[in-house]
N, C-alpha and C. Protein backbone atom coordinates (compact mmCIF):
# COMPACT_ATOMS: atom_id res chain seq x y z
N MET A 1 6.63 -11.68 9.15
CA MET A 1 6.61 -12.99 7.98
C MET A 1 8.05 -13.03 7.86
N PRO A 2 8.59 -14.39 7.35
CA PRO A 2 9.74 -14.60 8.17
C PRO A 2 10.48 -14.34 6.31
N ILE A 3 11.88 -13.96 6.36
CA ILE A 3 12.33 -13.68 5.06
C ILE A 3 12.25 -15.03 4.30
N GLY A 4 12.53 -15.26 3.43
CA GLY A 4 12.45 -16.45 2.18
C GLY A 4 13.81 -16.65 1.74
N ASN A 5 14.64 -15.65 1.54
CA ASN A 5 15.79 -15.39 0.77
C ASN A 5 16.66 -15.85 1.62
N GLN A 6 17.21 -16.79 1.76
CA GLN A 6 18.19 -17.36 2.80
C GLN A 6 19.84 -17.01 2.60
N GLN A 7 20.42 -16.12 1.53
CA GLN A 7 21.39 -15.00 1.79
C GLN A 7 21.02 -14.02 2.76
N VAL A 8 19.89 -13.32 2.59
CA VAL A 8 19.37 -12.31 3.24
C VAL A 8 18.92 -12.93 4.75
N ALA A 9 18.28 -13.64 4.98
CA ALA A 9 17.90 -14.22 6.34
C ALA A 9 19.13 -14.37 6.92
N GLY A 10 20.47 -14.97 6.61
CA GLY A 10 21.39 -15.31 7.41
C GLY A 10 22.75 -13.89 7.77
N HIS A 11 21.86 -12.71 7.17
CA HIS A 11 22.90 -11.65 7.17
C HIS A 11 22.49 -10.74 8.36
N ALA A 12 23.81 -10.51 8.78
CA ALA A 12 23.51 -9.61 10.04
C ALA A 12 23.69 -8.12 9.42
N PHE A 13 22.14 -7.54 9.46
CA PHE A 13 22.36 -6.11 9.00
C PHE A 13 22.82 -5.25 10.30
N LEU A 14 24.04 -3.96 9.86
CA LEU A 14 24.25 -3.15 10.44
C LEU A 14 25.34 -3.78 11.52
N ALA A 15 26.11 -4.46 11.27
CA ALA A 15 27.25 -5.37 11.83
C ALA A 15 27.99 -4.71 12.72
N GLN A 16 28.30 -3.39 11.54
CA GLN A 16 29.93 -2.57 11.95
C GLN A 16 29.33 -1.48 13.09
N MET A 17 27.99 -1.32 13.47
CA MET A 17 27.49 -0.09 14.29
C MET A 17 27.08 -0.68 15.69
N THR A 18 27.99 -1.55 16.28
CA THR A 18 28.20 -2.24 17.40
C THR A 18 28.94 -1.05 18.56
N ASP A 19 29.63 -0.29 17.91
CA ASP A 19 30.43 0.64 18.92
C ASP A 19 29.17 1.33 19.67
N PRO A 20 29.69 1.68 21.17
CA PRO A 20 28.60 2.40 21.90
C PRO A 20 28.20 3.75 21.62
N TYR A 21 28.74 4.24 20.63
CA TYR A 21 28.67 6.00 20.27
C TYR A 21 27.03 5.61 19.50
N TYR A 22 27.01 4.20 18.76
CA TYR A 22 25.64 4.12 18.20
C TYR A 22 24.50 3.71 19.09
N PRO A 23 23.40 4.43 19.73
CA PRO A 23 22.71 3.57 20.35
C PRO A 23 21.84 2.71 20.08
N GLN A 24 22.03 1.28 20.67
CA GLN A 24 21.88 -0.11 20.25
C GLN A 24 20.12 -0.33 19.61
N PRO A 25 19.61 0.71 20.82
CA PRO A 25 17.76 0.78 20.47
C PRO A 25 17.68 1.09 18.85
N VAL A 26 18.15 1.75 18.50
CA VAL A 26 18.17 3.34 17.46
C VAL A 26 18.60 1.69 16.41
N VAL A 27 19.90 1.51 16.63
CA VAL A 27 20.15 0.59 15.29
C VAL A 27 19.39 -0.53 15.05
N ASP A 28 18.83 -1.01 16.15
CA ASP A 28 17.75 -2.18 15.97
C ASP A 28 16.92 -1.80 15.34
N LYS A 29 16.16 -0.42 15.56
CA LYS A 29 15.07 -0.13 14.75
C LYS A 29 15.26 -0.01 13.28
N GLY A 30 16.94 0.24 12.89
CA GLY A 30 17.65 0.30 11.51
C GLY A 30 17.71 -1.03 10.84
N ARG A 31 18.13 -2.03 11.95
CA ARG A 31 17.93 -3.78 10.84
C ARG A 31 16.52 -4.33 10.85
N ALA A 32 15.52 -3.40 11.99
CA ALA A 32 14.28 -3.87 11.55
C ALA A 32 13.85 -3.06 10.04
N VAL A 33 14.24 -1.75 10.02
CA VAL A 33 13.93 -1.32 8.51
C VAL A 33 14.28 -1.81 7.27
N LEU A 34 15.45 -2.08 7.73
CA LEU A 34 15.92 -3.22 6.46
C LEU A 34 15.43 -4.62 6.25
N ARG A 35 14.97 -5.09 7.53
CA ARG A 35 14.24 -6.16 7.34
C ARG A 35 12.88 -6.31 6.62
N ARG A 36 12.08 -5.04 6.79
CA ARG A 36 10.89 -4.77 6.18
C ARG A 36 11.02 -4.65 4.80
N LEU A 37 12.27 -4.03 4.58
CA LEU A 37 12.49 -3.54 3.23
C LEU A 37 12.54 -5.06 2.52
N CYS A 38 13.34 -6.07 3.06
CA CYS A 38 13.25 -7.50 2.24
C CYS A 38 12.43 -8.21 2.19
N GLU A 39 11.03 -7.87 3.26
CA GLU A 39 9.94 -8.64 3.09
C GLU A 39 8.74 -8.10 2.08
N ARG A 40 9.15 -6.46 1.79
CA ARG A 40 8.63 -5.88 0.56
C ARG A 40 8.61 -6.70 -0.82
N ILE A 41 10.24 -6.06 -0.98
CA ILE A 41 10.72 -7.23 -2.10
C ILE A 41 10.40 -8.35 -1.86
N GLU A 42 10.26 -9.40 -1.28
CA GLU A 42 9.83 -10.46 -1.31
C GLU A 42 8.04 -10.61 -1.46
N VAL A 43 7.11 -9.64 -1.20
CA VAL A 43 6.04 -9.72 -1.42
C VAL A 43 5.51 -9.00 -2.72
N GLU A 44 6.16 -7.85 -3.06
CA GLU A 44 5.91 -6.91 -4.30
C GLU A 44 6.80 -7.30 -5.04
N ARG A 45 7.96 -8.21 -5.27
CA ARG A 45 8.60 -8.63 -6.66
C ARG A 45 8.78 -7.56 -7.80
N PRO A 46 9.60 -6.39 -7.15
CA PRO A 46 9.75 -5.58 -8.08
C PRO A 46 10.35 -6.11 -9.24
N SER A 47 9.73 -5.80 -10.49
CA SER A 47 10.26 -6.22 -11.94
C SER A 47 11.73 -5.51 -12.42
N ASP A 48 11.82 -4.13 -11.83
CA ASP A 48 12.82 -3.32 -12.44
C ASP A 48 13.63 -2.49 -11.55
N LEU A 49 14.62 -2.33 -11.81
CA LEU A 49 15.17 -1.15 -10.64
C LEU A 49 14.37 0.14 -10.54
N ALA A 50 13.37 0.54 -11.35
CA ALA A 50 12.85 1.93 -10.93
C ALA A 50 11.55 1.29 -9.84
N ALA A 51 11.08 0.04 -9.89
CA ALA A 51 10.10 -0.53 -9.02
C ALA A 51 11.04 -0.60 -7.54
N LEU A 52 12.48 -1.25 -7.60
CA LEU A 52 13.53 -1.48 -6.70
C LEU A 52 13.35 -0.48 -5.84
N TYR A 53 13.96 0.86 -6.68
CA TYR A 53 14.21 2.10 -6.23
C TYR A 53 13.22 2.85 -5.55
N ALA A 54 11.92 2.21 -5.73
CA ALA A 54 10.64 2.62 -5.05
C ALA A 54 10.48 2.87 -3.46
N LEU A 55 10.89 1.08 -3.51
CA LEU A 55 10.66 0.46 -2.22
C LEU A 55 12.17 1.33 -1.44
N THR A 56 13.02 0.92 -1.69
CA THR A 56 14.46 1.58 -1.21
C THR A 56 14.36 2.93 -0.58
N HIS A 57 13.71 3.67 -1.51
CA HIS A 57 13.29 5.14 -1.40
C HIS A 57 12.31 5.25 -0.15
N ALA A 58 11.32 4.48 0.31
CA ALA A 58 10.81 4.76 1.26
C ALA A 58 11.35 4.23 2.49
N ALA A 59 12.21 3.23 2.45
CA ALA A 59 13.19 2.52 3.47
C ALA A 59 14.19 3.69 4.02
N THR A 60 14.67 4.43 2.75
CA THR A 60 15.23 5.56 3.44
C THR A 60 14.77 6.58 3.62
N GLU A 61 13.73 6.95 3.41
CA GLU A 61 13.05 7.48 4.54
C GLU A 61 12.53 7.49 5.61
N GLU A 62 12.69 6.26 6.09
CA GLU A 62 12.51 5.82 7.20
C GLU A 62 13.64 6.41 8.43
N PHE A 63 14.98 5.64 7.61
CA PHE A 63 16.28 6.10 8.25
C PHE A 63 16.41 7.60 8.34
N ASN A 64 15.65 8.39 7.64
CA ASN A 64 15.72 9.84 7.72
C ASN A 64 14.95 10.05 9.28
N VAL A 65 13.89 9.59 9.51
CA VAL A 65 13.27 9.65 10.84
C VAL A 65 14.31 8.95 11.76
N LEU A 66 14.90 8.12 11.78
CA LEU A 66 15.75 7.77 12.53
C LEU A 66 16.95 8.16 13.17
N GLU A 67 17.50 9.56 11.84
CA GLU A 67 18.51 10.33 11.84
C GLU A 67 18.11 11.17 13.59
N GLU A 68 16.64 11.46 13.71
CA GLU A 68 16.24 12.43 14.69
C GLU A 68 16.44 11.63 16.02
N GLU A 69 16.37 10.22 15.94
CA GLU A 69 16.72 9.58 17.16
C GLU A 69 18.08 9.22 17.31
N PHE A 70 18.61 9.35 16.75
CA PHE A 70 20.38 9.02 16.97
C PHE A 70 20.93 10.57 17.33
N THR A 71 20.54 11.52 16.89
CA THR A 71 20.72 12.63 17.19
C THR A 71 20.42 13.08 18.93
N ALA A 72 18.96 12.68 19.20
CA ALA A 72 18.28 12.61 20.24
C ALA A 72 19.36 12.08 21.65
N ALA A 73 19.82 10.89 21.01
CA ALA A 73 20.43 9.97 21.76
C ALA A 73 21.88 10.57 22.14
N GLY A 74 22.42 11.53 21.25
CA GLY A 74 23.90 11.97 21.44
C GLY A 74 24.71 11.48 20.59
N SER A 75 23.80 11.03 19.30
CA SER A 75 25.09 10.42 18.28
C SER A 75 24.09 10.69 16.82
N GLU A 76 24.87 10.19 15.76
CA GLU A 76 24.43 10.86 14.22
C GLU A 76 24.74 9.61 13.30
N ILE A 77 24.42 9.85 12.07
CA ILE A 77 24.12 8.99 11.13
C ILE A 77 25.38 9.59 10.70
N GLU A 78 26.87 9.23 10.77
CA GLU A 78 27.88 9.96 10.30
C GLU A 78 28.58 9.19 9.30
N THR A 79 29.89 9.55 8.91
CA THR A 79 30.42 8.87 7.68
C THR A 79 30.25 7.09 7.58
N ILE A 80 31.22 6.73 8.68
CA ILE A 80 30.96 5.23 8.92
C ILE A 80 29.67 4.77 8.78
N ALA A 81 28.72 5.26 9.58
CA ALA A 81 27.18 4.60 9.78
C ALA A 81 26.79 4.60 8.16
N ARG A 82 26.97 5.94 7.66
CA ARG A 82 26.30 6.24 6.41
C ARG A 82 26.87 5.17 5.16
N GLU A 83 27.97 4.68 5.14
CA GLU A 83 28.60 3.62 4.27
C GLU A 83 28.26 2.14 4.74
N VAL A 84 27.82 1.93 6.11
CA VAL A 84 27.29 0.62 6.40
C VAL A 84 25.62 0.40 6.08
N ILE A 85 25.37 1.58 6.21
CA ILE A 85 23.51 1.42 5.98
C ILE A 85 23.67 1.44 4.17
N ALA A 86 24.74 2.28 3.64
CA ALA A 86 24.69 2.12 1.98
C ALA A 86 25.05 0.39 1.79
N GLU A 87 25.87 -0.01 2.18
CA GLU A 87 26.45 -0.87 2.00
C GLU A 87 25.24 -2.02 2.07
N ASP A 88 24.29 -1.88 3.60
CA ASP A 88 23.40 -3.08 3.49
C ASP A 88 22.58 -2.72 2.54
N PHE A 89 22.02 -1.78 2.14
CA PHE A 89 20.78 -1.14 0.98
C PHE A 89 21.70 -2.13 -0.52
N TRP A 90 22.72 -1.94 -0.62
CA TRP A 90 23.19 -2.52 -2.12
C TRP A 90 23.23 -4.09 -1.74
N PHE A 91 23.64 -4.83 -0.55
CA PHE A 91 23.74 -5.71 -0.44
C PHE A 91 22.25 -6.54 -0.47
N VAL A 92 21.27 -5.64 0.16
CA VAL A 92 19.97 -6.08 -0.10
C VAL A 92 19.56 -6.39 -1.82
N ALA A 93 19.83 -5.49 -2.30
CA ALA A 93 19.23 -5.11 -4.28
C ALA A 93 20.08 -6.33 -4.26
N SER A 94 21.43 -6.49 -4.19
CA SER A 94 22.21 -7.56 -5.11
C SER A 94 21.73 -8.91 -4.61
N ALA A 95 21.32 -9.26 -3.57
CA ALA A 95 20.87 -10.44 -3.12
C ALA A 95 19.16 -10.77 -3.59
N TYR A 96 18.72 -9.69 -3.95
CA TYR A 96 17.46 -10.29 -4.70
C TYR A 96 17.78 -10.07 -5.85
N GLY A 97 18.69 -10.07 -6.82
CA GLY A 97 19.15 -10.19 -8.31
C GLY A 97 19.35 -8.95 -9.11
N PHE A 98 19.38 -7.51 -8.08
CA PHE A 98 19.65 -6.35 -8.70
C PHE A 98 21.27 -6.11 -8.72
N THR A 99 22.15 -6.80 -9.13
CA THR A 99 23.39 -6.53 -9.06
C THR A 99 24.10 -5.01 -9.68
N ASP A 100 23.07 -4.90 -10.85
CA ASP A 100 22.85 -3.66 -11.40
C ASP A 100 22.70 -2.27 -10.92
N ALA A 101 22.13 -2.07 -9.43
CA ALA A 101 21.59 -1.32 -8.78
C ALA A 101 22.78 -0.42 -8.50
N ASP A 102 22.37 1.20 -8.49
CA ASP A 102 23.51 2.20 -8.02
C ASP A 102 23.25 2.20 -6.59
N VAL A 103 24.31 2.18 -6.03
CA VAL A 103 24.25 2.27 -4.76
C VAL A 103 23.85 3.70 -4.46
N GLU A 104 24.30 5.02 -5.03
CA GLU A 104 23.64 6.22 -4.60
C GLU A 104 22.24 6.31 -4.67
N GLU A 105 21.56 5.76 -5.81
CA GLU A 105 19.96 5.83 -6.30
C GLU A 105 19.34 4.85 -5.05
N LEU A 106 20.00 3.73 -4.49
CA LEU A 106 19.44 2.88 -3.76
C LEU A 106 18.79 4.16 -2.54
N ILE A 107 19.65 4.87 -2.01
CA ILE A 107 19.54 5.95 -0.99
C ILE A 107 19.37 7.51 -1.43
N ALA A 108 18.88 7.82 -2.54
CA ALA A 108 18.82 8.76 -2.82
C ALA A 108 18.15 9.95 -2.29
N THR A 109 17.05 9.31 -1.45
CA THR A 109 16.07 10.21 -0.77
C THR A 109 16.74 10.41 0.61
N ARG A 110 17.82 10.39 1.04
CA ARG A 110 18.42 10.27 2.41
C ARG A 110 18.57 11.91 2.68
N ASP A 111 18.67 11.56 3.80
CA ASP A 111 19.11 13.45 4.71
C ASP A 111 20.44 13.09 5.53
N TRP A 112 20.78 12.08 5.76
CA TRP A 112 21.74 12.02 6.13
C TRP A 112 23.65 11.75 5.54
């Protein structure tokens, strides 16, 4: 499903994670997680923050699984990666009108 929100469609997710330290196939999976989150938001149209947080928590769980792939590739979701991922979660929330979303709550289920 193509993303309808033009601001989101043109966004380069995880753009700061191009360093060779981050295995690009795993980073690409992270980008896919964020795109699926956008697709779910467009389909399910959460009406409040609680509904949005349910969607972002599910996406965060997918990143928890990716942490294992980062580790297996000799990398990890460390401070810089955590900040980049959190910023993209906040970008998604704000692009869909949830400017009052709390970034820590967006990714509250994280293990990284």
